[in-house]
Amino acid sequence: MTFQLHKVSVHHAGAASNALALRELDLHVAPGEQIALIGPSGAGKTSLLHTLACALRPETGSLSILGSAPWSMSSSARHALRARLFLAPQTPPLAPRQRVVNAVLAGRLPQWSLWMAMRSLLAPVDPRAAWEALGKFNLQDKLYARVDRLSGGERQRCGMARALVSNAEVFLVDEPLSALDPTLALQTINVLQAEATARHATLICSLHQVEIARACFPRIVALRDGKVVFDAASADVSDAMIEALYRNKDDPAPQFEAVEANLDAARPLC
């Protein structure tokens, strides 16, 4: 298994209170799976991705990543494990005055020595790899542009290009489409899925675009209040289940057991 979580609870990162972001969450993810995380804002999607990336330590429960228990390891062993994972936050951590080529090649930092990293800052060691990754997002002409000259959507796609040049076995992607128009959103998802399939990497992507999650991902995990509401094949996710997931808390409680199990055939987007 790529991930095995059993009754995992996690506090919000940096929160002043002891509020839980995840509550006794169970989840199993096999190698090569492609999963969409959906749910309302504050449901715990980002916290789950950070937990899977070894950035948040569970308060309770057990967590296994790529066959290892990360928080029972030495710090050096845990660092080596993190190098096999790629976490792409919603806002990529790109230095404003950095050239795009350097920002993309930073995806290889976990595999590089300090000397190699410093050398690449002075003269990018593999600009063709960066150019090819950017080309998959129609950004090859931005190779030597400064990051602070990019639009918000271009920065997001630059962050995705960074993932492509990494050597990761797992892509953990948080809201990659928030600054993209519908056409670019579909292109970005298609590129990420094709890359994951080509290297048999696991892809877990949090999305607010429910229609893209249902059309493009074979498995959907829905979170609310830090818990899994449903974990199902996309073909088994109905409109009623989605409506219940996003229903206002003041409305009557969702009756998931009463909804239809099958989704009518929809026009494919991917």
C-alpha atoms as a PDB file:
ATOM      1  CA  MET A   1       0.000   0.000   0.000  1.00  0.00           C
ATOM      2  CA  THR A   2       1.088   3.569  -0.681  1.00  0.00           C
ATOM      3  CA  PHE A   3      -0.878   4.875   2.307  1.00  0.00           C
ATOM      4  CA  GLN A   4      -2.632   3.187   5.212  1.00  0.00           C
ATOM      5  CA  LEU A   5      -4.356   5.336   7.812  1.00  0.00           C
ATOM      6  CA  HIS A   6      -6.242   3.876  10.755  1.00  0.00           C
ATOM      7  CA  LYS A   7      -8.162   6.161  13.119  1.00  0.00           C
ATOM      8  CA  VAL A   8      -5.804   9.055  12.400  1.00  0.00           C
ATOM      9  CA  SER A   9      -6.549  12.347  14.158  1.00  0.00           C
ATOM     10  CA  VAL A  10      -4.570  15.511  13.395  1.00  0.00           C
ATOM     11  CA  HIS A  11      -4.653  19.029  14.838  1.00  0.00           C
ATOM     12  CA  HIS A  12      -4.807  22.073  12.580  1.00  0.00           C
ATOM     13  CA  ALA A  13      -1.290  23.274  11.770  1.00  0.00           C
ATOM     14  CA  GLY A  14      -0.417  26.346  13.823  1.00  0.00           C
ATOM     15  CA  ALA A  15      -3.892  26.653  15.327  1.00  0.00           C
ATOM     16  CA  ALA A  16      -4.110  28.273  18.746  1.00  0.00           C
ATOM     17  CA  SER A  17      -6.803  25.848  19.855  1.00  0.00           C
ATOM     18  CA  ASN A  18      -6.690  22.076  20.013  1.00  0.00           C
ATOM     19  CA  ALA A  19      -9.317  21.742  17.293  1.00  0.00           C
ATOM     20  CA  LEU A  20      -8.921  18.636  15.173  1.00  0.00           C
ATOM     21  CA  ALA A  21      -8.549  18.912  11.414  1.00  0.00           C
ATOM     22  CA  LEU A  22      -8.885  15.135  10.941  1.00  0.00           C
ATOM     23  CA  ARG A  23     -10.933  12.881  13.217  1.00  0.00           C
ATOM     24  CA  GLU A  24     -10.211   9.140  13.476  1.00  0.00           C
ATOM     25  CA  LEU A  25      -9.855   8.928   9.711  1.00  0.00           C
ATOM     26  CA  ASP A  26      -9.398   5.599   7.925  1.00  0.00           C
ATOM     27  CA  LEU A  27      -8.004   5.479   4.382  1.00  0.00           C
ATOM     28  CA  HIS A  28      -6.145   2.947   2.222  1.00  0.00           C
ATOM     29  CA  VAL A  29      -4.487   3.956  -1.064  1.00  0.00           C
ATOM     30  CA  ALA A  30      -2.874   1.434  -3.411  1.00  0.00           C
ATOM     31  CA  PRO A  31       0.149   2.182  -5.636  1.00  0.00           C
ATOM     32  CA  GLY A  32      -0.799   3.947  -8.853  1.00  0.00           C
ATOM     33  CA  GLU A  33      -4.263   5.007  -7.738  1.00  0.00           C
ATOM     34  CA  GLN A  34      -5.650   8.376  -8.829  1.00  0.00           C
ATOM     35  CA  ILE A  35      -7.984   9.901  -6.255  1.00  0.00           C
ATOM     36  CA  ALA A  36      -9.886  13.176  -6.038  1.00  0.00           C
ATOM     37  CA  LEU A  37     -10.489  14.680  -2.592  1.00  0.00           C
ATOM     38  CA  ILE A  38     -13.635  16.763  -2.414  1.00  0.00           C
ATOM     39  CA  GLY A  39     -15.588  18.485   0.329  1.00  0.00           C
ATOM     40  CA  PRO A  40     -16.539  21.926   1.591  1.00  0.00           C
ATOM     41  CA  SER A  41     -13.967  24.469   2.717  1.00  0.00           C
ATOM     42  CA  GLY A  42     -12.490  23.482   6.072  1.00  0.00           C
ATOM     43  CA  ALA A  43     -13.323  19.816   5.568  1.00  0.00           C
ATOM     44  CA  GLY A  44      -9.718  18.700   6.162  1.00  0.00           C
ATOM     45  CA  LYS A  45      -8.510  18.157   2.597  1.00  0.00           C
ATOM     46  CA  THR A  46      -5.326  20.219   2.951  1.00  0.00           C
ATOM     47  CA  SER A  47      -4.603  18.738   6.374  1.00  0.00           C
ATOM     48  CA  LEU A  48      -4.928  15.239   4.940  1.00  0.00           C
ATOM     49  CA  LEU A  49      -2.499  16.022   2.111  1.00  0.00           C
ATOM     50  CA  HIS A  50       0.005  17.471   4.589  1.00  0.00           C
ATOM     51  CA  THR A  51      -0.368  14.407   6.801  1.00  0.00           C
ATOM     52  CA  LEU A  52       0.331  12.130   3.831  1.00  0.00           C
ATOM     53  CA  ALA A  53       3.392  14.257   2.994  1.00  0.00           C
ATOM     54  CA  CYS A  54       4.824  13.828   6.538  1.00  0.00           C
ATOM     55  CA  ALA A  55       4.332  17.541   7.187  1.00  0.00           C
ATOM     56  CA  LEU A  56       1.786  16.996   9.976  1.00  0.00           C
ATOM     57  CA  ARG A  57       2.209  14.406  12.708  1.00  0.00           C
ATOM     58  CA  PRO A  58      -0.916  12.499  13.777  1.00  0.00           C
ATOM     59  CA  GLU A  59      -2.053  12.928  17.362  1.00  0.00           C
ATOM     60  CA  THR A  60      -3.614   9.479  17.429  1.00  0.00           C
ATOM     61  CA  GLY A  61      -3.938   6.471  15.147  1.00  0.00           C
ATOM     62  CA  SER A  62      -1.479   4.735  12.850  1.00  0.00           C
ATOM     63  CA  LEU A  63      -0.016   5.961   9.564  1.00  0.00           C
ATOM     64  CA  SER A  64       1.983   3.958   7.039  1.00  0.00           C
ATOM     65  CA  ILE A  65       3.558   5.585   3.968  1.00  0.00           C
ATOM     66  CA  LEU A  66       5.145   3.435   1.259  1.00  0.00           C
ATOM     67  CA  GLY A  67       5.350   0.578   3.728  1.00  0.00           C
ATOM     68  CA  SER A  68       7.027   2.597   6.512  1.00  0.00           C
ATOM     69  CA  ALA A  69       5.855   4.276   9.718  1.00  0.00           C
ATOM     70  CA  PRO A  70       7.329   7.772   9.185  1.00  0.00           C
ATOM     71  CA  TRP A  71       7.069   9.029  12.755  1.00  0.00           C
ATOM     72  CA  SER A  72       8.901   5.990  14.122  1.00  0.00           C
ATOM     73  CA  MET A  73      11.886   6.697  11.869  1.00  0.00           C
ATOM     74  CA  SER A  74      14.970   8.778  12.467  1.00  0.00           C
ATOM     75  CA  SER A  75      14.785  12.307  11.058  1.00  0.00           C
ATOM     76  CA  SER A  76      17.234  11.407   8.284  1.00  0.00           C
ATOM     77  CA  ALA A  77      15.187   8.362   7.264  1.00  0.00           C
ATOM     78  CA  ARG A  78      12.013  10.433   7.313  1.00  0.00           C
ATOM     79  CA  HIS A  79      13.702  13.038   5.111  1.00  0.00           C
ATOM     80  CA  ALA A  80      14.572  10.294   2.619  1.00  0.00           C
ATOM     81  CA  LEU A  81      10.952   9.142   2.654  1.00  0.00           C
ATOM     82  CA  ARG A  82       9.707  12.685   1.998  1.00  0.00           C
ATOM     83  CA  ALA A  83      11.956  12.814  -1.075  1.00  0.00           C
ATOM     84  CA  ARG A  84       9.730  10.126  -2.612  1.00  0.00           C
ATOM     85  CA  LEU A  85       6.656  12.340  -2.169  1.00  0.00           C
ATOM     86  CA  PHE A  86       5.798  15.590  -3.924  1.00  0.00           C
ATOM     87  CA  LEU A  87       3.437  18.009  -2.181  1.00  0.00           C
ATOM     88  CA  ALA A  88       2.146  20.792  -4.427  1.00  0.00           C
ATOM     89  CA  PRO A  89       0.391  23.450  -2.301  1.00  0.00           C
ATOM     90  CA  GLN A  90      -2.361  25.640  -3.714  1.00  0.00           C
ATOM     91  CA  THR A  91       0.022  28.608  -3.735  1.00  0.00           C
ATOM     92  CA  PRO A  92       3.405  27.328  -4.991  1.00  0.00           C
ATOM     93  CA  PRO A  93       6.378  28.529  -2.894  1.00  0.00           C
ATOM     94  CA  LEU A  94       8.115  30.334  -5.749  1.00  0.00           C
ATOM     95  CA  ALA A  95      10.682  33.051  -5.000  1.00  0.00           C
ATOM     96  CA  PRO A  96       9.448  36.228  -6.778  1.00  0.00           C
ATOM     97  CA  ARG A  97      12.779  37.249  -8.345  1.00  0.00           C
ATOM     98  CA  GLN A  98      13.730  33.730  -9.330  1.00  0.00           C
ATOM     99  CA  ARG A  99      13.783  32.671 -12.962  1.00  0.00           C
ATOM    100  CA  VAL A 100      11.127  30.164 -13.948  1.00  0.00           C
ATOM    101  CA  VAL A 101      13.763  27.639 -15.044  1.00  0.00           C
ATOM    102  CA  ASN A 102      15.213  27.601 -11.514  1.00  0.00           C
ATOM    103  CA  ALA A 103      11.782  27.458  -9.927  1.00  0.00           C
ATOM    104  CA  VAL A 104      10.912  24.361 -11.971  1.00  0.00           C
ATOM    105  CA  LEU A 105      14.236  22.611 -11.428  1.00  0.00           C
ATOM    106  CA  ALA A 106      13.730  23.046  -7.679  1.00  0.00           C
ATOM    107  CA  GLY A 107      11.594  19.943  -8.010  1.00  0.00           C
ATOM    108  CA  ARG A 108      14.879  18.009  -8.053  1.00  0.00           C
ATOM    109  CA  LEU A 109      16.247  19.501  -4.826  1.00  0.00           C
ATOM    110  CA  PRO A 110      15.458  16.386  -2.744  1.00  0.00           C
ATOM    111  CA  GLN A 111      17.767  14.357  -5.019  1.00  0.00           C
ATOM    112  CA  TRP A 112      20.545  16.964  -5.299  1.00  0.00           C
ATOM    113  CA  SER A 113      23.504  17.633  -3.079  1.00  0.00           C
ATOM    114  CA  LEU A 114      23.971  21.136  -1.690  1.00  0.00           C
ATOM    115  CA  TRP A 115      26.768  21.700  -4.212  1.00  0.00           C
ATOM    116  CA  MET A 116      24.518  20.718  -7.128  1.00  0.00           C
ATOM    117  CA  ALA A 117      21.721  22.965  -5.871  1.00  0.00           C
ATOM    118  CA  MET A 118      24.056  25.952  -5.616  1.00  0.00           C
ATOM    119  CA  ARG A 119      25.525  25.243  -9.035  1.00  0.00           C
ATOM    120  CA  SER A 120      22.074  25.143 -10.613  1.00  0.00           C
ATOM    121  CA  LEU A 121      21.231  28.560  -9.166  1.00  0.00           C
ATOM    122  CA  LEU A 122      24.188  30.022 -11.045  1.00  0.00           C
ATOM    123  CA  ALA A 123      23.658  28.042 -14.255  1.00  0.00           C
ATOM    124  CA  PRO A 124      20.605  25.726 -14.534  1.00  0.00           C
ATOM    125  CA  VAL A 125      21.936  22.177 -14.863  1.00  0.00           C
ATOM    126  CA  ASP A 126      19.113  20.801 -17.012  1.00  0.00           C
ATOM    127  CA  PRO A 127      17.137  23.615 -18.671  1.00  0.00           C
ATOM    128  CA  ARG A 128      15.778  21.221 -21.314  1.00  0.00           C
ATOM    129  CA  ALA A 129      13.959  19.195 -18.639  1.00  0.00           C
ATOM    130  CA  ALA A 130      12.379  22.390 -17.306  1.00  0.00           C
ATOM    131  CA  TRP A 131      11.475  23.511 -20.845  1.00  0.00           C
ATOM    132  CA  GLU A 132       9.834  20.157 -21.633  1.00  0.00           C
ATOM    133  CA  ALA A 133       7.843  20.184 -18.387  1.00  0.00           C
ATOM    134  CA  LEU A 134       6.682  23.753 -18.996  1.00  0.00           C
ATOM    135  CA  GLY A 135       5.764  22.833 -22.564  1.00  0.00           C
ATOM    136  CA  LYS A 136       3.164  20.371 -21.304  1.00  0.00           C
ATOM    137  CA  PHE A 137       1.368  23.359 -19.773  1.00  0.00           C
ATOM    138  CA  ASN A 138       1.997  25.704 -22.754  1.00  0.00           C
ATOM    139  CA  LEU A 139       4.494  27.737 -20.718  1.00  0.00           C
ATOM    140  CA  GLN A 140       7.740  26.956 -22.536  1.00  0.00           C
ATOM    141  CA  ASP A 141       8.087  30.607 -23.572  1.00  0.00           C
ATOM    142  CA  LYS A 142       8.334  31.542 -19.871  1.00  0.00           C
ATOM    143  CA  LEU A 143      11.493  29.501 -19.272  1.00  0.00           C
ATOM    144  CA  TYR A 144      13.715  32.480 -18.440  1.00  0.00           C
ATOM    145  CA  ALA A 145      10.995  34.868 -17.251  1.00  0.00           C
ATOM    146  CA  ARG A 146      10.981  36.069 -13.661  1.00  0.00           C
ATOM    147  CA  VAL A 147       8.416  34.432 -11.412  1.00  0.00           C
ATOM    148  CA  ASP A 148       6.991  37.782 -10.332  1.00  0.00           C
ATOM    149  CA  ARG A 149       6.065  38.475 -13.971  1.00  0.00           C
ATOM    150  CA  LEU A 150       3.751  35.464 -14.106  1.00  0.00           C
ATOM    151  CA  SER A 151      -0.001  35.543 -13.606  1.00  0.00           C
ATOM    152  CA  GLY A 152      -1.580  33.546 -10.798  1.00  0.00           C
ATOM    153  CA  GLY A 153      -2.576  30.766 -13.187  1.00  0.00           C
ATOM    154  CA  GLU A 154       0.900  30.663 -14.719  1.00  0.00           C
ATOM    155  CA  ARG A 155       2.406  30.321 -11.253  1.00  0.00           C
ATOM    156  CA  GLN A 156       0.122  27.400 -10.490  1.00  0.00           C
ATOM    157  CA  ARG A 157       1.126  25.640 -13.700  1.00  0.00           C
ATOM    158  CA  CYS A 158       4.776  26.412 -12.984  1.00  0.00           C
ATOM    159  CA  GLY A 159       4.307  24.566  -9.698  1.00  0.00           C
ATOM    160  CA  MET A 160       2.855  21.609 -11.589  1.00  0.00           C
ATOM    161  CA  ALA A 161       5.855  21.628 -13.961  1.00  0.00           C
ATOM    162  CA  ARG A 162       8.062  21.389 -10.868  1.00  0.00           C
ATOM    163  CA  ALA A 163       6.242  18.182  -9.963  1.00  0.00           C
ATOM    164  CA  LEU A 164       6.937  16.741 -13.409  1.00  0.00           C
ATOM    165  CA  VAL A 165      10.727  17.151 -13.127  1.00  0.00           C
ATOM    166  CA  SER A 166      10.784  15.584  -9.658  1.00  0.00           C
ATOM    167  CA  ASN A 167      11.540  11.941  -9.056  1.00  0.00           C
ATOM    168  CA  ALA A 168       8.458  11.469  -6.886  1.00  0.00           C
ATOM    169  CA  GLU A 169       6.480   8.257  -6.586  1.00  0.00           C
ATOM    170  CA  VAL A 170       3.498  10.106  -5.137  1.00  0.00           C
ATOM    171  CA  PHE A 171       1.906  13.413  -6.187  1.00  0.00           C
ATOM    172  CA  LEU A 172      -0.115  15.201  -3.491  1.00  0.00           C
ATOM    173  CA  VAL A 173      -1.727  18.185  -5.184  1.00  0.00           C
ATOM    174  CA  ASP A 174      -3.791  20.811  -3.354  1.00  0.00           C
ATOM    175  CA  GLU A 175      -6.322  22.814  -5.392  1.00  0.00           C
ATOM    176  CA  PRO A 176      -4.269  23.105  -8.614  1.00  0.00           C
ATOM    177  CA  LEU A 177      -7.128  24.676 -10.606  1.00  0.00           C
ATOM    178  CA  SER A 178      -8.200  27.632  -8.468  1.00  0.00           C
ATOM    179  CA  ALA A 179      -6.652  30.268 -10.797  1.00  0.00           C
ATOM    180  CA  LEU A 180      -7.320  28.497 -14.110  1.00  0.00           C
ATOM    181  CA  ASP A 181     -10.076  28.826 -16.672  1.00  0.00           C
ATOM    182  CA  PRO A 182     -12.044  25.653 -17.567  1.00  0.00           C
ATOM    183  CA  THR A 183      -9.894  24.775 -20.590  1.00  0.00           C
ATOM    184  CA  LEU A 184      -6.590  25.153 -18.734  1.00  0.00           C
ATOM    185  CA  ALA A 185      -8.068  23.312 -15.745  1.00  0.00           C
ATOM    186  CA  LEU A 186      -8.809  20.233 -17.842  1.00  0.00           C
ATOM    187  CA  GLN A 187      -5.434  20.418 -19.560  1.00  0.00           C
ATOM    188  CA  THR A 188      -3.663  20.567 -16.193  1.00  0.00           C
ATOM    189  CA  ILE A 189      -5.545  17.564 -14.808  1.00  0.00           C
ATOM    190  CA  ASN A 190      -4.901  15.607 -18.006  1.00  0.00           C
ATOM    191  CA  VAL A 191      -1.165  16.306 -17.817  1.00  0.00           C
ATOM    192  CA  LEU A 192      -0.936  15.316 -14.150  1.00  0.00           C
ATOM    193  CA  GLN A 193      -2.863  12.104 -14.727  1.00  0.00           C
ATOM    194  CA  ALA A 194      -0.839  11.173 -17.809  1.00  0.00           C
ATOM    195  CA  GLU A 195       2.427  11.726 -15.925  1.00  0.00           C
ATOM    196  CA  ALA A 196       1.219   9.689 -12.952  1.00  0.00           C
ATOM    197  CA  THR A 197       0.122   6.863 -15.248  1.00  0.00           C
ATOM    198  CA  ALA A 198       3.426   6.888 -17.155  1.00  0.00           C
ATOM    199  CA  ARG A 199       5.519   6.443 -14.013  1.00  0.00           C
ATOM    200  CA  HIS A 200       2.886   4.378 -12.114  1.00  0.00           C
ATOM    201  CA  ALA A 201       2.840   7.077  -9.468  1.00  0.00           C
ATOM    202  CA  THR A 202       0.009   7.641  -7.024  1.00  0.00           C
ATOM    203  CA  LEU A 203      -1.946  10.888  -7.534  1.00  0.00           C
ATOM    204  CA  ILE A 204      -4.166  12.438  -4.857  1.00  0.00           C
ATOM    205  CA  CYS A 205      -5.663  15.779  -5.799  1.00  0.00           C
ATOM    206  CA  SER A 206      -7.983  18.009  -3.765  1.00  0.00           C
ATOM    207  CA  LEU A 207     -10.541  19.817  -5.882  1.00  0.00           C
ATOM    208  CA  HIS A 208     -13.461  22.205  -5.529  1.00  0.00           C
ATOM    209  CA  GLN A 209     -14.430  21.460  -9.140  1.00  0.00           C
ATOM    210  CA  VAL A 210     -16.719  18.512  -8.399  1.00  0.00           C
ATOM    211  CA  GLU A 211     -17.657  17.976 -12.048  1.00  0.00           C
ATOM    212  CA  ILE A 212     -13.979  17.479 -12.959  1.00  0.00           C
ATOM    213  CA  ALA A 213     -13.473  15.131 -10.010  1.00  0.00           C
ATOM    214  CA  ARG A 214     -16.408  12.986 -11.101  1.00  0.00           C
ATOM    215  CA  ALA A 215     -15.509  12.964 -14.787  1.00  0.00           C
ATOM    216  CA  CYS A 216     -11.744  12.510 -14.574  1.00  0.00           C
ATOM    217  CA  PHE A 217     -10.923  10.473 -11.455  1.00  0.00           C
ATOM    218  CA  PRO A 218     -11.852   6.817 -10.961  1.00  0.00           C
ATOM    219  CA  ARG A 219     -12.134   7.174  -7.152  1.00  0.00           C
ATOM    220  CA  ILE A 220     -13.517   9.996  -5.038  1.00  0.00           C
ATOM    221  CA  VAL A 221     -12.949  10.487  -1.311  1.00  0.00           C
ATOM    222  CA  ALA A 222     -15.290  13.043   0.248  1.00  0.00           C
ATOM    223  CA  LEU A 223     -14.426  14.778   3.518  1.00  0.00           C
ATOM    224  CA  ARG A 224     -16.493  16.858   5.893  1.00  0.00           C
ATOM    225  CA  ASP A 225     -15.554  18.010   9.396  1.00  0.00           C
ATOM    226  CA  GLY A 226     -12.351  15.977   9.235  1.00  0.00           C
ATOM    227  CA  LYS A 227     -14.104  12.689   8.508  1.00  0.00           C
ATOM    228  CA  VAL A 228     -14.636  10.563   5.416  1.00  0.00           C
ATOM    229  CA  VAL A 229     -18.251  10.948   4.338  1.00  0.00           C
ATOM    230  CA  PHE A 230     -17.949   8.568   1.413  1.00  0.00           C
ATOM    231  CA  ASP A 231     -15.163   6.767  -0.452  1.00  0.00           C
ATOM    232  CA  ALA A 232     -16.449   5.439  -3.741  1.00  0.00           C
ATOM    233  CA  ALA A 233     -15.879   4.849  -7.412  1.00  0.00           C
ATOM    234  CA  SER A 234     -16.836   7.988  -9.306  1.00  0.00           C
ATOM    235  CA  ALA A 235     -19.513   6.050 -11.212  1.00  0.00           C
ATOM    236  CA  ASP A 236     -21.221   5.328  -7.885  1.00  0.00           C
ATOM    237  CA  VAL A 237     -21.295   8.951  -6.719  1.00  0.00           C
ATOM    238  CA  SER A 238     -24.768  10.427  -7.262  1.00  0.00           C
ATOM    239  CA  ASP A 239     -25.983  13.999  -7.417  1.00  0.00           C
ATOM    240  CA  ALA A 240     -27.796  13.403  -4.120  1.00  0.00           C
ATOM    241  CA  MET A 241     -24.551  12.382  -2.417  1.00  0.00           C
ATOM    242  CA  ILE A 242     -22.840  15.552  -3.646  1.00  0.00           C
ATOM    243  CA  GLU A 243     -25.761  17.699  -2.558  1.00  0.00           C
ATOM    244  CA  ALA A 244     -25.704  16.135   0.916  1.00  0.00           C
ATOM    245  CA  LEU A 245     -21.927  16.606   1.194  1.00  0.00           C
ATOM    246  CA  TYR A 246     -22.154  20.350   0.598  1.00  0.00           C
ATOM    247  CA  ARG A 247     -25.454  20.920   2.396  1.00  0.00           C
ATOM    248  CA  ASN A 248     -25.503  23.725   4.950  1.00  0.00           C
ATOM    249  CA  LYS A 249     -25.131  22.442   8.515  1.00  0.00           C
ATOM    250  CA  ASP A 250     -28.440  24.089   9.466  1.00  0.00           C
ATOM    251  CA  ASP A 251     -30.304  21.990   6.907  1.00  0.00           C
ATOM    252  CA  PRO A 252     -31.640  18.519   7.754  1.00  0.00           C
ATOM    253  CA  ALA A 253     -28.913  15.885   8.195  1.00  0.00           C
ATOM    254  CA  PRO A 254     -27.855  14.091   5.004  1.00  0.00           C
ATOM    255  CA  GLN A 255     -29.395  10.657   4.539  1.00  0.00           C
ATOM    256  CA  PHE A 256     -26.668   8.988   2.494  1.00  0.00           C
ATOM    257  CA  GLU A 257     -28.149   5.511   2.856  1.00  0.00           C
ATOM    258  CA  ALA A 258     -31.286   6.685   1.064  1.00  0.00           C
ATOM    259  CA  VAL A 259     -29.682   8.095  -2.072  1.00  0.00           C
ATOM    260  CA  GLU A 260     -29.230   6.332  -5.385  1.00  0.00           C
ATOM    261  CA  ALA A 261     -25.981   4.353  -5.718  1.00  0.00           C
ATOM    262  CA  ASN A 262     -25.420   4.945  -9.420  1.00  0.00           C
ATOM    263  CA  LEU A 263     -24.702   8.128 -11.346  1.00  0.00           C
ATOM    264  CA  ASP A 264     -26.403   8.605 -14.734  1.00  0.00           C
ATOM    265  CA  ALA A 265     -23.925   8.533 -17.606  1.00  0.00           C
ATOM    266  CA  ALA A 266     -22.381  11.989 -17.925  1.00  0.00           C
ATOM    267  CA  ARG A 267     -20.594  13.626 -20.817  1.00  0.00           C
ATOM    268  CA  PRO A 268     -16.903  12.782 -20.299  1.00  0.00           C
ATOM    269  CA  LEU A 269     -14.588  15.726 -19.794  1.00  0.00           C
ATOM    270  CA  CYS A 270     -11.274  13.822 -19.853  1.00  0.00           C
END
